[in-house]
């Protein structure tokens, strides 16, 4: 499957796209650039992609899963607890479409600050 790269300037994270309608829509929109927002141990950013919630969308993800938030038209990468997490779960704001799997540790995203720029590109 195809790979994408999230470049946050000081660090990069590669991910493998899953075979989903959301992954296809994100891939078709590349390259993308945006400004990062943070919410607890989650980074997210707006993207010019509009995809409906998929039947298997969920709010609780496993760190390393990369999701698209249909309500906010944003990519969300959770790497730990958010303000609405219960216990040690990674809970996003509402059900999201998981469309990719990180190839490295998402814990490094703790260094990314609100307002940072992110570039999302295809990995050749």
N, C-alpha and C. Protein backbone atom coordinates (compact mmCIF):
# COMPACT_ATOMS: atom_id res chain seq x y z
N UNK A 1 0.84 -1.19 0.00
CA UNK A 1 0.00 0.00 0.00
C UNK A 1 0.88 1.25 0.00
N UNK A 2 0.33 2.35 -0.39
CA UNK A 2 1.06 3.62 -0.50
C UNK A 2 1.42 4.16 0.88
N UNK A 3 2.46 4.98 0.89
CA UNK A 3 2.89 5.61 2.14
C UNK A 3 2.81 7.12 2.01
N UNK A 4 2.59 7.76 3.17
CA UNK A 4 2.60 9.21 3.22
C UNK A 4 3.56 9.65 4.32
N UNK A 5 3.98 10.90 4.25
CA UNK A 5 4.90 11.45 5.24
C UNK A 5 4.30 12.73 5.82
N UNK A 6 4.33 12.81 7.15
CA UNK A 6 3.95 14.02 7.88
C UNK A 6 5.26 14.69 8.28
N UNK A 7 5.50 15.90 7.77
CA UNK A 7 6.72 16.62 8.08
C UNK A 7 6.36 17.82 8.97
N UNK A 8 6.76 17.74 10.24
CA UNK A 8 6.46 18.79 11.20
C UNK A 8 7.64 19.74 11.38
N UNK A 9 8.58 19.71 10.44
CA UNK A 9 9.75 20.57 10.53
C UNK A 9 10.87 19.89 11.29
N UNK A 10 10.75 19.84 12.61
CA UNK A 10 11.79 19.23 13.44
C UNK A 10 11.73 17.70 13.42
N UNK A 11 10.61 17.15 13.01
CA UNK A 11 10.48 15.69 12.96
C UNK A 11 9.53 15.27 11.86
N UNK A 12 9.70 14.03 11.42
CA UNK A 12 8.81 13.48 10.40
C UNK A 12 8.24 12.16 10.90
N UNK A 13 7.08 11.81 10.35
CA UNK A 13 6.42 10.55 10.68
C UNK A 13 5.87 9.98 9.38
N UNK A 14 6.28 8.75 9.06
CA UNK A 14 5.75 8.09 7.87
C UNK A 14 4.61 7.17 8.29
N UNK A 15 3.67 6.97 7.36
CA UNK A 15 2.52 6.11 7.64
C UNK A 15 2.15 5.35 6.37
N UNK A 16 1.56 4.19 6.58
CA UNK A 16 1.08 3.37 5.47
C UNK A 16 -0.42 3.55 5.36
N UNK A 17 -0.88 3.89 4.17
CA UNK A 17 -2.31 4.08 3.95
C UNK A 17 -3.03 2.73 3.96
N UNK A 18 -4.22 2.72 4.52
CA UNK A 18 -5.08 1.53 4.49
C UNK A 18 -5.92 1.59 3.23
N UNK A 19 -6.62 0.53 2.93
CA UNK A 19 -7.46 0.48 1.73
C UNK A 19 -8.87 0.92 2.11
N UNK A 20 -9.04 2.26 2.24
CA UNK A 20 -10.33 2.82 2.62
C UNK A 20 -10.67 4.00 1.72
N UNK A 21 -11.95 4.37 1.63
CA UNK A 21 -12.32 5.56 0.86
C UNK A 21 -11.62 6.82 1.37
N UNK A 22 -11.47 6.93 2.69
CA UNK A 22 -10.81 8.11 3.26
C UNK A 22 -9.34 8.15 2.83
N UNK A 23 -8.65 7.03 2.89
CA UNK A 23 -7.24 7.00 2.49
C UNK A 23 -7.10 7.42 1.03
N UNK A 24 -8.00 6.95 0.18
CA UNK A 24 -7.95 7.32 -1.24
C UNK A 24 -8.18 8.82 -1.42
N UNK A 25 -9.10 9.41 -0.65
CA UNK A 25 -9.39 10.84 -0.75
C UNK A 25 -8.21 11.67 -0.26
N UNK A 26 -7.58 11.25 0.83
CA UNK A 26 -6.41 11.96 1.35
C UNK A 26 -5.28 11.88 0.33
N UNK A 27 -5.02 10.69 -0.20
CA UNK A 27 -3.94 10.51 -1.18
C UNK A 27 -4.16 11.38 -2.41
N UNK A 28 -5.41 11.50 -2.84
CA UNK A 28 -5.73 12.29 -4.03
C UNK A 28 -5.51 13.78 -3.80
N UNK A 29 -5.57 14.22 -2.54
CA UNK A 29 -5.43 15.64 -2.21
C UNK A 29 -3.98 16.07 -1.96
N UNK A 30 -3.05 15.10 -1.90
CA UNK A 30 -1.65 15.43 -1.61
C UNK A 30 -1.02 16.23 -2.73
N UNK A 31 -0.04 17.09 -2.42
CA UNK A 31 0.47 17.41 -1.10
C UNK A 31 -0.43 18.38 -0.36
N UNK A 32 -0.40 18.32 0.97
CA UNK A 32 -1.20 19.18 1.83
C UNK A 32 -0.29 19.93 2.80
N UNK A 33 -0.69 21.12 3.19
CA UNK A 33 0.01 21.81 4.26
C UNK A 33 -1.03 22.47 5.15
N UNK A 34 -0.72 22.55 6.44
CA UNK A 34 -1.67 23.08 7.39
C UNK A 34 -0.92 23.54 8.64
N UNK A 35 -1.67 24.09 9.58
CA UNK A 35 -1.13 24.47 10.89
C UNK A 35 -1.69 23.52 11.93
N UNK A 36 -0.83 23.08 12.82
CA UNK A 36 -1.18 22.09 13.83
C UNK A 36 -1.91 22.72 15.02
N UNK A 37 -2.89 21.99 15.50
CA UNK A 37 -3.54 22.28 16.78
C UNK A 37 -3.28 21.07 17.68
N UNK A 38 -3.30 21.28 18.98
CA UNK A 38 -3.13 20.15 19.89
C UNK A 38 -4.31 20.09 20.85
N UNK A 39 -4.60 18.88 21.31
CA UNK A 39 -5.70 18.64 22.26
C UNK A 39 -5.27 17.48 23.14
N UNK A 40 -4.76 17.78 24.32
CA UNK A 40 -4.18 16.72 25.13
C UNK A 40 -3.02 16.10 24.35
N UNK A 41 -2.96 14.78 24.32
CA UNK A 41 -1.90 14.09 23.58
C UNK A 41 -2.41 13.70 22.18
N UNK A 42 -2.81 14.73 21.47
CA UNK A 42 -3.29 14.56 20.08
C UNK A 42 -2.86 15.79 19.30
N UNK A 43 -2.39 15.57 18.08
CA UNK A 43 -2.21 16.68 17.15
C UNK A 43 -3.25 16.51 16.06
N UNK A 44 -3.79 17.61 15.60
CA UNK A 44 -4.74 17.55 14.50
C UNK A 44 -4.60 18.82 13.68
N UNK A 45 -5.06 18.72 12.43
CA UNK A 45 -4.94 19.87 11.53
C UNK A 45 -5.95 19.75 10.41
N UNK A 46 -6.45 20.92 9.98
CA UNK A 46 -7.44 20.99 8.92
C UNK A 46 -6.84 20.54 7.59
N UNK A 47 -7.65 19.85 6.80
CA UNK A 47 -7.26 19.46 5.44
C UNK A 47 -8.44 19.74 4.51
N UNK A 48 -8.14 20.08 3.25
CA UNK A 48 -9.21 20.37 2.29
C UNK A 48 -9.79 19.09 1.67
N UNK A 49 -10.26 18.20 2.54
CA UNK A 49 -10.81 16.91 2.11
C UNK A 49 -12.14 16.75 2.82
N UNK A 50 -13.15 16.35 2.07
CA UNK A 50 -14.47 16.12 2.67
C UNK A 50 -14.88 14.68 2.42
N UNK A 51 -14.95 13.90 3.50
CA UNK A 51 -15.31 12.49 3.43
C UNK A 51 -16.34 12.23 4.52
N UNK A 52 -17.34 11.43 4.21
CA UNK A 52 -18.36 11.07 5.21
C UNK A 52 -17.78 10.09 6.23
N UNK A 53 -18.44 10.01 7.37
CA UNK A 53 -18.05 9.03 8.38
C UNK A 53 -18.25 7.63 7.81
N UNK A 54 -17.22 6.80 7.93
CA UNK A 54 -17.30 5.43 7.44
C UNK A 54 -17.98 4.55 8.49
N UNK A 55 -18.57 3.40 8.07
CA UNK A 55 -19.31 2.55 9.01
C UNK A 55 -18.48 2.09 10.21
N UNK A 56 -17.17 1.93 10.04
CA UNK A 56 -16.34 1.45 11.15
C UNK A 56 -15.61 2.58 11.89
N UNK A 57 -16.08 3.83 11.72
CA UNK A 57 -15.47 4.97 12.41
C UNK A 57 -15.58 4.77 13.92
N UNK A 58 -14.57 5.25 14.64
CA UNK A 58 -14.60 5.11 16.10
C UNK A 58 -13.85 6.24 16.75
N UNK A 59 -14.21 6.51 18.00
CA UNK A 59 -13.57 7.59 18.75
C UNK A 59 -12.33 7.10 19.49
N UNK A 60 -12.33 5.85 19.95
CA UNK A 60 -11.17 5.31 20.67
C UNK A 60 -10.27 4.62 19.66
N UNK A 61 -9.02 5.09 19.61
CA UNK A 61 -8.06 4.53 18.68
C UNK A 61 -6.85 4.01 19.45
N UNK A 62 -6.03 3.25 18.75
CA UNK A 62 -4.76 2.77 19.30
C UNK A 62 -3.69 3.74 18.82
N UNK A 63 -2.81 4.24 19.71
CA UNK A 63 -1.75 5.12 19.24
C UNK A 63 -1.01 4.46 18.06
N UNK A 64 -0.82 5.24 17.02
CA UNK A 64 -0.24 4.71 15.78
C UNK A 64 -1.26 4.69 14.66
N UNK A 65 -2.55 4.63 15.04
CA UNK A 65 -3.59 4.74 14.03
C UNK A 65 -3.78 6.22 13.71
N UNK A 66 -3.90 6.52 12.43
CA UNK A 66 -4.08 7.91 12.00
C UNK A 66 -5.49 8.03 11.45
N UNK A 67 -6.18 9.06 11.90
CA UNK A 67 -7.61 9.17 11.62
C UNK A 67 -7.96 10.48 10.93
N UNK A 68 -9.10 10.44 10.27
CA UNK A 68 -9.70 11.64 9.66
C UNK A 68 -10.97 11.93 10.45
N UNK A 69 -11.11 13.18 10.87
CA UNK A 69 -12.26 13.61 11.67
C UNK A 69 -13.28 14.25 10.74
N UNK A 70 -14.36 13.53 10.36
CA UNK A 70 -15.34 14.06 9.41
C UNK A 70 -16.01 15.35 9.87
N UNK A 71 -16.29 15.48 11.17
CA UNK A 71 -16.97 16.67 11.67
C UNK A 71 -16.13 17.93 11.52
N UNK A 72 -14.82 17.79 11.56
CA UNK A 72 -13.95 18.96 11.50
C UNK A 72 -13.10 19.04 10.26
N UNK A 73 -13.26 18.09 9.35
CA UNK A 73 -12.44 18.00 8.14
C UNK A 73 -10.97 18.16 8.51
N UNK A 74 -10.51 17.25 9.38
CA UNK A 74 -9.14 17.32 9.90
C UNK A 74 -8.54 15.92 10.03
N UNK A 75 -7.22 15.88 9.97
CA UNK A 75 -6.49 14.66 10.28
C UNK A 75 -6.15 14.73 11.76
N UNK A 76 -6.39 13.64 12.48
CA UNK A 76 -6.11 13.57 13.92
C UNK A 76 -5.15 12.42 14.19
N UNK A 77 -4.08 12.73 14.92
CA UNK A 77 -3.11 11.71 15.30
C UNK A 77 -3.00 11.72 16.82
N UNK A 78 -3.66 10.76 17.44
CA UNK A 78 -3.62 10.65 18.89
C UNK A 78 -2.43 9.80 19.32
N UNK A 79 -1.73 10.23 20.37
CA UNK A 79 -0.57 9.46 20.83
C UNK A 79 -0.62 9.22 22.33
N UNK A 80 -1.78 9.48 22.94
CA UNK A 80 -1.97 9.27 24.37
C UNK A 80 -3.34 9.78 24.79
N UNK A 81 -3.40 10.26 26.02
CA UNK A 81 -4.69 10.70 26.56
C UNK A 81 -5.11 12.07 26.02
N UNK A 82 -6.42 12.23 25.85
CA UNK A 82 -7.02 13.52 25.50
C UNK A 82 -7.88 13.95 26.69
N UNK A 83 -8.40 15.18 26.67
CA UNK A 83 -9.22 15.62 27.80
C UNK A 83 -10.45 14.75 28.09
N UNK A 84 -10.91 13.96 27.12
CA UNK A 84 -12.10 13.13 27.37
C UNK A 84 -11.78 11.63 27.47
N UNK A 85 -10.49 11.30 27.54
CA UNK A 85 -10.10 9.89 27.68
C UNK A 85 -10.58 9.32 29.01
N UNK A 86 -10.90 8.03 28.99
CA UNK A 86 -11.23 7.31 30.21
C UNK A 86 -10.08 6.34 30.45
N UNK A 87 -9.46 6.41 31.61
CA UNK A 87 -8.29 5.57 31.86
C UNK A 87 -7.15 5.99 30.94
N UNK A 88 -6.46 5.01 30.38
CA UNK A 88 -5.31 5.29 29.52
C UNK A 88 -5.64 5.27 28.04
N UNK A 89 -6.91 5.23 27.68
CA UNK A 89 -7.29 5.16 26.27
C UNK A 89 -6.95 6.46 25.53
N UNK A 90 -6.87 6.35 24.22
CA UNK A 90 -6.72 7.52 23.35
C UNK A 90 -8.08 7.74 22.72
N UNK A 91 -8.80 8.75 23.21
CA UNK A 91 -10.17 9.01 22.74
C UNK A 91 -10.21 10.33 21.99
N UNK A 92 -10.60 10.26 20.71
CA UNK A 92 -10.74 11.45 19.88
C UNK A 92 -12.09 12.12 20.18
N UNK A 93 -12.29 13.33 19.67
CA UNK A 93 -13.48 14.12 20.00
C UNK A 93 -14.78 13.44 19.63
N UNK A 94 -14.80 12.70 18.53
CA UNK A 94 -15.98 11.98 18.07
C UNK A 94 -15.49 10.91 17.09
N UNK A 95 -16.37 10.00 16.64
CA UNK A 95 -15.91 8.94 15.75
C UNK A 95 -15.18 9.46 14.51
N UNK A 96 -14.05 8.83 14.23
CA UNK A 96 -13.18 9.22 13.12
C UNK A 96 -12.91 8.01 12.23
N UNK A 97 -12.56 8.29 10.98
CA UNK A 97 -12.20 7.25 10.02
C UNK A 97 -10.71 6.96 10.14
N UNK A 98 -10.35 5.77 10.58
CA UNK A 98 -8.94 5.39 10.62
C UNK A 98 -8.53 5.08 9.19
N UNK A 99 -7.49 5.80 8.69
CA UNK A 99 -7.11 5.62 7.29
C UNK A 99 -5.64 5.28 7.07
N UNK A 100 -4.84 5.29 8.13
CA UNK A 100 -3.42 4.98 7.98
C UNK A 100 -2.85 4.46 9.30
N UNK A 101 -1.68 3.84 9.20
CA UNK A 101 -0.98 3.29 10.36
C UNK A 101 0.44 3.85 10.35
N UNK A 102 0.83 4.49 11.45
CA UNK A 102 2.17 5.06 11.56
C UNK A 102 3.22 3.96 11.51
N UNK A 103 4.35 4.27 10.86
CA UNK A 103 5.43 3.30 10.75
C UNK A 103 6.49 3.51 11.83
N UNK A 104 6.34 4.55 12.61
CA UNK A 104 7.24 4.81 13.73
C UNK A 104 6.40 5.15 14.95
N UNK A 105 7.06 5.48 16.04
CA UNK A 105 6.35 5.83 17.27
C UNK A 105 5.70 7.20 17.15
N UNK A 106 4.42 7.27 17.49
CA UNK A 106 3.72 8.56 17.48
C UNK A 106 3.99 9.36 18.75
N UNK A 107 4.64 8.76 19.74
CA UNK A 107 4.95 9.46 21.00
C UNK A 107 5.81 10.70 20.74
N UNK A 108 6.62 10.70 19.66
CA UNK A 108 7.47 11.86 19.34
C UNK A 108 6.64 13.11 19.08
N UNK A 109 5.34 12.94 18.77
CA UNK A 109 4.49 14.09 18.47
C UNK A 109 4.25 14.97 19.70
N UNK A 110 4.62 14.51 20.86
CA UNK A 110 4.53 15.32 22.06
C UNK A 110 5.37 16.58 21.97
N UNK A 111 6.35 16.59 21.07
CA UNK A 111 7.22 17.75 20.88
C UNK A 111 6.61 18.79 19.94
N UNK A 112 5.53 18.42 19.22
CA UNK A 112 4.92 19.33 18.25
C UNK A 112 4.01 20.32 18.98
N UNK A 113 4.18 21.58 18.68
CA UNK A 113 3.42 22.63 19.36
C UNK A 113 2.33 23.20 18.47
N UNK A 114 1.26 23.71 19.10
CA UNK A 114 0.20 24.40 18.38
C UNK A 114 0.81 25.51 17.53
N UNK A 115 0.35 25.61 16.29
CA UNK A 115 0.85 26.63 15.38
C UNK A 115 1.98 26.15 14.49
N UNK A 116 2.55 24.97 14.80
CA UNK A 116 3.59 24.41 13.94
C UNK A 116 3.00 24.12 12.57
N UNK A 117 3.83 24.19 11.56
CA UNK A 117 3.40 23.85 10.21
C UNK A 117 3.59 22.37 9.98
N UNK A 118 2.70 21.77 9.22
CA UNK A 118 2.85 20.38 8.81
C UNK A 118 2.65 20.27 7.31
N UNK A 119 3.48 19.46 6.69
CA UNK A 119 3.36 19.16 5.25
C UNK A 119 3.09 17.67 5.16
N UNK A 120 2.08 17.30 4.38
CA UNK A 120 1.77 15.88 4.17
C UNK A 120 2.01 15.59 2.70
N UNK A 121 2.90 14.63 2.44
CA UNK A 121 3.26 14.30 1.06
C UNK A 121 3.26 12.79 0.85
N UNK A 122 3.22 12.39 -0.40
CA UNK A 122 3.36 10.98 -0.73
C UNK A 122 4.83 10.60 -0.62
N UNK A 123 5.09 9.40 -0.18
CA UNK A 123 6.47 8.88 -0.12
C UNK A 123 6.69 8.11 -1.42
N UNK A 124 7.67 8.53 -2.21
CA UNK A 124 7.90 7.84 -3.50
C UNK A 124 8.32 6.39 -3.33
